[in-house]
Amino acid sequence: MTQPPAGPEHVQLQLGLYVLGALCSVEAGVVDQHLTWCAECRAERAELSQVLTLLSFLSTEDVRSIGNEFAPGTGAAERPSATPAEASSPASERPATPPAASPGAASDPRS
């Protein structure tokens, strides 16, 4: 192995594109050279390669489902949770906006 050259310490930010084969030849050459002496980045490259292999087993429907799960505005973390009553009634029967509750009111605002 050669000694580490002066310059950037690691190429971790480029490794994903490197594994995908999406770097230009100059950038890929820089990563190749770095990998000759950096065991840490070689280990990360190996992990990313395993992820790429596992992703290749996903069906188109799996990818679409995952994309919908994490897409902005559609993920479970961003959807308000429904109360049991709201979950069992059709959306057309629920008010578009919650009614303003008056202080001390204990009655159901939908009645």
C-alpha atoms as a PDB file:
ATOM      1  CA  MET A   1       0.000   0.000   0.000  1.00  0.00           C
ATOM      2  CA  THR A   2       1.110   3.507  -0.617  1.00  0.00           C
ATOM      3  CA  GLN A   3       1.202   6.298   1.896  1.00  0.00           C
ATOM      4  CA  PRO A   4      -1.801   8.644   2.033  1.00  0.00           C
ATOM      5  CA  PRO A   5      -1.309  11.684  -0.179  1.00  0.00           C
ATOM      6  CA  ALA A   6      -1.820  15.206   1.074  1.00  0.00           C
ATOM      7  CA  GLY A   7      -5.302  16.566   0.501  1.00  0.00           C
ATOM      8  CA  PRO A   8      -8.813  15.446   1.377  1.00  0.00           C
ATOM      9  CA  GLU A   9      -8.784  12.785   4.038  1.00  0.00           C
ATOM     10  CA  HIS A  10     -11.702  10.694   2.791  1.00  0.00           C
ATOM     11  CA  VAL A  11     -13.925  10.298  -0.254  1.00  0.00           C
ATOM     12  CA  GLN A  12     -17.008   9.073   1.593  1.00  0.00           C
ATOM     13  CA  LEU A  13     -19.284  11.664  -0.009  1.00  0.00           C
ATOM     14  CA  GLN A  14     -18.354  10.338  -3.459  1.00  0.00           C
ATOM     15  CA  LEU A  15     -18.570   6.626  -2.675  1.00  0.00           C
ATOM     16  CA  GLY A  16     -22.281   6.266  -3.447  1.00  0.00           C
ATOM     17  CA  LEU A  17     -21.817   7.663  -6.935  1.00  0.00           C
ATOM     18  CA  TYR A  18     -18.621   5.643  -7.318  1.00  0.00           C
ATOM     19  CA  VAL A  19     -20.429   2.383  -6.545  1.00  0.00           C
ATOM     20  CA  LEU A  20     -23.185   3.330  -8.995  1.00  0.00           C
ATOM     21  CA  GLY A  21     -20.573   4.086 -11.669  1.00  0.00           C
ATOM     22  CA  ALA A  22     -21.829   7.654 -11.921  1.00  0.00           C
ATOM     23  CA  LEU A  23     -18.542   9.534 -11.432  1.00  0.00           C
ATOM     24  CA  CYS A  24     -16.605  10.924 -14.363  1.00  0.00           C
ATOM     25  CA  SER A  25     -13.309   9.163 -15.082  1.00  0.00           C
ATOM     26  CA  VAL A  26     -11.236  11.837 -13.322  1.00  0.00           C
ATOM     27  CA  GLU A  27     -13.329  11.673 -10.124  1.00  0.00           C
ATOM     28  CA  ALA A  28     -13.392   7.851 -10.236  1.00  0.00           C
ATOM     29  CA  GLY A  29      -9.595   7.893 -10.562  1.00  0.00           C
ATOM     30  CA  VAL A  30      -9.295  10.064  -7.446  1.00  0.00           C
ATOM     31  CA  VAL A  31     -11.536   7.638  -5.532  1.00  0.00           C
ATOM     32  CA  ASP A  32      -9.588   4.625  -6.879  1.00  0.00           C
ATOM     33  CA  GLN A  33      -6.310   6.145  -5.713  1.00  0.00           C
ATOM     34  CA  HIS A  34      -7.773   6.959  -2.292  1.00  0.00           C
ATOM     35  CA  LEU A  35      -9.089   3.426  -1.903  1.00  0.00           C
ATOM     36  CA  THR A  36      -5.603   1.986  -2.416  1.00  0.00           C
ATOM     37  CA  TRP A  37      -4.515   3.276   0.997  1.00  0.00           C
ATOM     38  CA  CYS A  38      -7.724   3.969   2.982  1.00  0.00           C
ATOM     39  CA  ALA A  39      -9.197   0.909   4.671  1.00  0.00           C
ATOM     40  CA  GLU A  40     -12.029   2.986   6.183  1.00  0.00           C
ATOM     41  CA  CYS A  41     -13.314   4.100   2.786  1.00  0.00           C
ATOM     42  CA  ARG A  42     -12.819   0.594   1.323  1.00  0.00           C
ATOM     43  CA  ALA A  43     -15.039  -0.767   4.100  1.00  0.00           C
ATOM     44  CA  GLU A  44     -17.672   1.857   3.368  1.00  0.00           C
ATOM     45  CA  ARG A  45     -17.497   1.073  -0.358  1.00  0.00           C
ATOM     46  CA  ALA A  46     -18.084  -2.611   0.476  1.00  0.00           C
ATOM     47  CA  GLU A  47     -21.156  -1.717   2.565  1.00  0.00           C
ATOM     48  CA  LEU A  48     -22.563   0.487  -0.174  1.00  0.00           C
ATOM     49  CA  SER A  49     -22.004  -2.280  -2.711  1.00  0.00           C
ATOM     50  CA  GLN A  50     -24.015  -4.647  -0.510  1.00  0.00           C
ATOM     51  CA  VAL A  51     -26.863  -2.120  -0.310  1.00  0.00           C
ATOM     52  CA  LEU A  52     -26.833  -1.763  -4.080  1.00  0.00           C
ATOM     53  CA  THR A  53     -27.032  -5.541  -4.428  1.00  0.00           C
ATOM     54  CA  LEU A  54     -29.962  -5.715  -2.009  1.00  0.00           C
ATOM     55  CA  LEU A  55     -31.774  -2.878  -3.789  1.00  0.00           C
ATOM     56  CA  SER A  56     -31.548  -4.820  -7.038  1.00  0.00           C
ATOM     57  CA  PHE A  57     -33.914  -7.408  -5.520  1.00  0.00           C
ATOM     58  CA  LEU A  58     -36.729  -4.869  -5.058  1.00  0.00           C
ATOM     59  CA  SER A  59     -39.625  -4.937  -7.478  1.00  0.00           C
ATOM     60  CA  THR A  60     -40.920  -1.808  -9.160  1.00  0.00           C
ATOM     61  CA  GLU A  61     -43.907  -1.885  -6.794  1.00  0.00           C
ATOM     62  CA  ASP A  62     -41.564  -2.119  -3.780  1.00  0.00           C
ATOM     63  CA  VAL A  63     -39.620   0.932  -4.976  1.00  0.00           C
ATOM     64  CA  ARG A  64     -42.847   2.863  -5.602  1.00  0.00           C
ATOM     65  CA  SER A  65     -44.135   1.982  -2.134  1.00  0.00           C
ATOM     66  CA  ILE A  66     -40.898   3.047  -0.462  1.00  0.00           C
ATOM     67  CA  GLY A  67     -40.872   6.266  -2.469  1.00  0.00           C
ATOM     68  CA  ASN A  68     -44.432   7.043  -1.410  1.00  0.00           C
ATOM     69  CA  GLU A  69     -43.553   6.342   2.213  1.00  0.00           C
ATOM     70  CA  PHE A  70     -40.725   8.859   2.264  1.00  0.00           C
ATOM     71  CA  ALA A  71     -41.840  11.425  -0.319  1.00  0.00           C
ATOM     72  CA  PRO A  72     -42.373  14.923   1.121  1.00  0.00           C
ATOM     73  CA  GLY A  73     -45.988  15.513   2.070  1.00  0.00           C
ATOM     74  CA  THR A  74     -46.968  11.854   1.888  1.00  0.00           C
ATOM     75  CA  GLY A  75     -44.972  10.161   4.620  1.00  0.00           C
ATOM     76  CA  ALA A  76     -46.562   8.848   7.790  1.00  0.00           C
ATOM     77  CA  ALA A  77     -44.550  11.330   9.837  1.00  0.00           C
ATOM     78  CA  GLU A  78     -46.241  14.222   8.046  1.00  0.00           C
ATOM     79  CA  ARG A  79     -49.794  12.851   7.974  1.00  0.00           C
ATOM     80  CA  PRO A  80     -51.934  13.792  10.952  1.00  0.00           C
ATOM     81  CA  SER A  81     -53.113  10.786  12.873  1.00  0.00           C
ATOM     82  CA  ALA A  82     -56.849  10.188  12.761  1.00  0.00           C
ATOM     83  CA  THR A  83     -58.900   9.685  15.869  1.00  0.00           C
ATOM     84  CA  PRO A  84     -60.832   6.391  15.983  1.00  0.00           C
ATOM     85  CA  ALA A  85     -64.080   8.189  15.084  1.00  0.00           C
ATOM     86  CA  GLU A  86     -62.460   9.924  12.115  1.00  0.00           C
ATOM     87  CA  ALA A  87     -60.828   6.733  10.919  1.00  0.00           C
ATOM     88  CA  SER A  88     -64.162   4.894  10.817  1.00  0.00           C
ATOM     89  CA  SER A  89     -66.173   7.613   9.043  1.00  0.00           C
ATOM     90  CA  PRO A  90     -65.718   8.575   5.393  1.00  0.00           C
ATOM     91  CA  ALA A  91     -63.737  11.739   4.712  1.00  0.00           C
ATOM     92  CA  SER A  92     -66.809  13.352   3.132  1.00  0.00           C
ATOM     93  CA  GLU A  93     -68.567  13.235   6.514  1.00  0.00           C
ATOM     94  CA  ARG A  94     -65.689  14.843   8.410  1.00  0.00           C
ATOM     95  CA  PRO A  95     -65.406  18.635   8.627  1.00  0.00           C
ATOM     96  CA  ALA A  96     -62.683  20.131   6.411  1.00  0.00           C
ATOM     97  CA  THR A  97     -61.290  22.128   9.333  1.00  0.00           C
ATOM     98  CA  PRO A  98     -61.791  21.436  12.999  1.00  0.00           C
ATOM     99  CA  PRO A  99     -64.354  23.742  14.601  1.00  0.00           C
ATOM    100  CA  ALA A 100     -63.088  26.226  17.160  1.00  0.00           C
ATOM    101  CA  ALA A 101     -63.781  24.981  20.660  1.00  0.00           C
ATOM    102  CA  SER A 102     -65.019  27.411  23.240  1.00  0.00           C
ATOM    103  CA  PRO A 103     -63.311  27.273  26.623  1.00  0.00           C
ATOM    104  CA  GLY A 104     -64.999  24.794  28.931  1.00  0.00           C
ATOM    105  CA  ALA A 105     -67.120  23.223  26.177  1.00  0.00           C
ATOM    106  CA  ALA A 106     -67.456  19.498  26.760  1.00  0.00           C
ATOM    107  CA  SER A 107     -69.891  18.606  23.990  1.00  0.00           C
ATOM    108  CA  ASP A 108     -68.926  16.930  20.725  1.00  0.00           C
ATOM    109  CA  PRO A 109     -68.487  19.740  18.156  1.00  0.00           C
ATOM    110  CA  ARG A 110     -69.840  17.476  15.384  1.00  0.00           C
ATOM    111  CA  SER A 111     -73.281  17.067  16.945  1.00  0.00           C
END
